[in-house]
């Protein structure tokens, strides 16, 4: 059990001084029972800090992951990295900023794609999301989350909390409850000069005190938020009629229909598949 402390659990691989810079290929395997209790530590996850690195084809099933700043199940901080064909499950929480179901903080031409997260994510700071807490100059695509996201601060989103500096979220969906205080959205809490397009918002409820909408809580440029669909029956508090930030209405039946996503430009050739028993799309690599 190298790297495991009886009181703090797993010691993350890499930090801001010694970063992980290699390629970790899980080859379709999974890591189970990950437990981290480091509430005064930054860069917390299976990997603490990765730079110019790849994490792929891996499942991480966590019991609990707790940290301070930059907290996620797979990685706390990603700089010029790629997270591909991964999944993460479990309970994630932080007492500082930037916490996500997969990664806490993503920056500098990084990508998260063909991945999903399940479980719950919570925090008392800002930038909290079902997949990533903060994403800057990077991309999340072809991914989904069923994570319930909650925060007592600002910038809370079903997929990402804060989306900044020419970042992109596209061809993805969120399906968990989202709640926060200020800047709360089914896909993203706050979007600044970044694109949120061609996504589906199937969250049962999104709630906040101010700047709360079905797709994006708030943005500095509405042009960057377009072509998103949102569940008509979603419970949204407070209610708002802003069409751009709320997305176009779609019924639950429509959001469980392949043609709906093809209309958004999603690929069912090599990325997505509709589950045989019905429901929202899943990734093709999830099939046995």
Foldseek 3Di string as FASTA:
>chain_A
DPQQDPVFGHHAAADPVGAAQEEAEPVQEEAEAGGGHAQADAQWENHREHENYEYANYEYEYAETEYAAQEEHAISYYENYEYYHYEYEYEYEYAEAFYEHHIREEEHAYEYALYEYEYEYEYAYFQYEHHISEYEPYEYALYEYAYAYEYAYAQWEHHIREYYHAYEYAHYEGAEEIEYAAQYEHHIREYENYAYALYERNYQEIEYNAQYEHHTSYYPDLVRQDHYEYEPNHHYPPDDDPDRRHDHYDHQVLQQDPVNSVVSVDDPPQFWDRDPVTDHIHGPVVDD
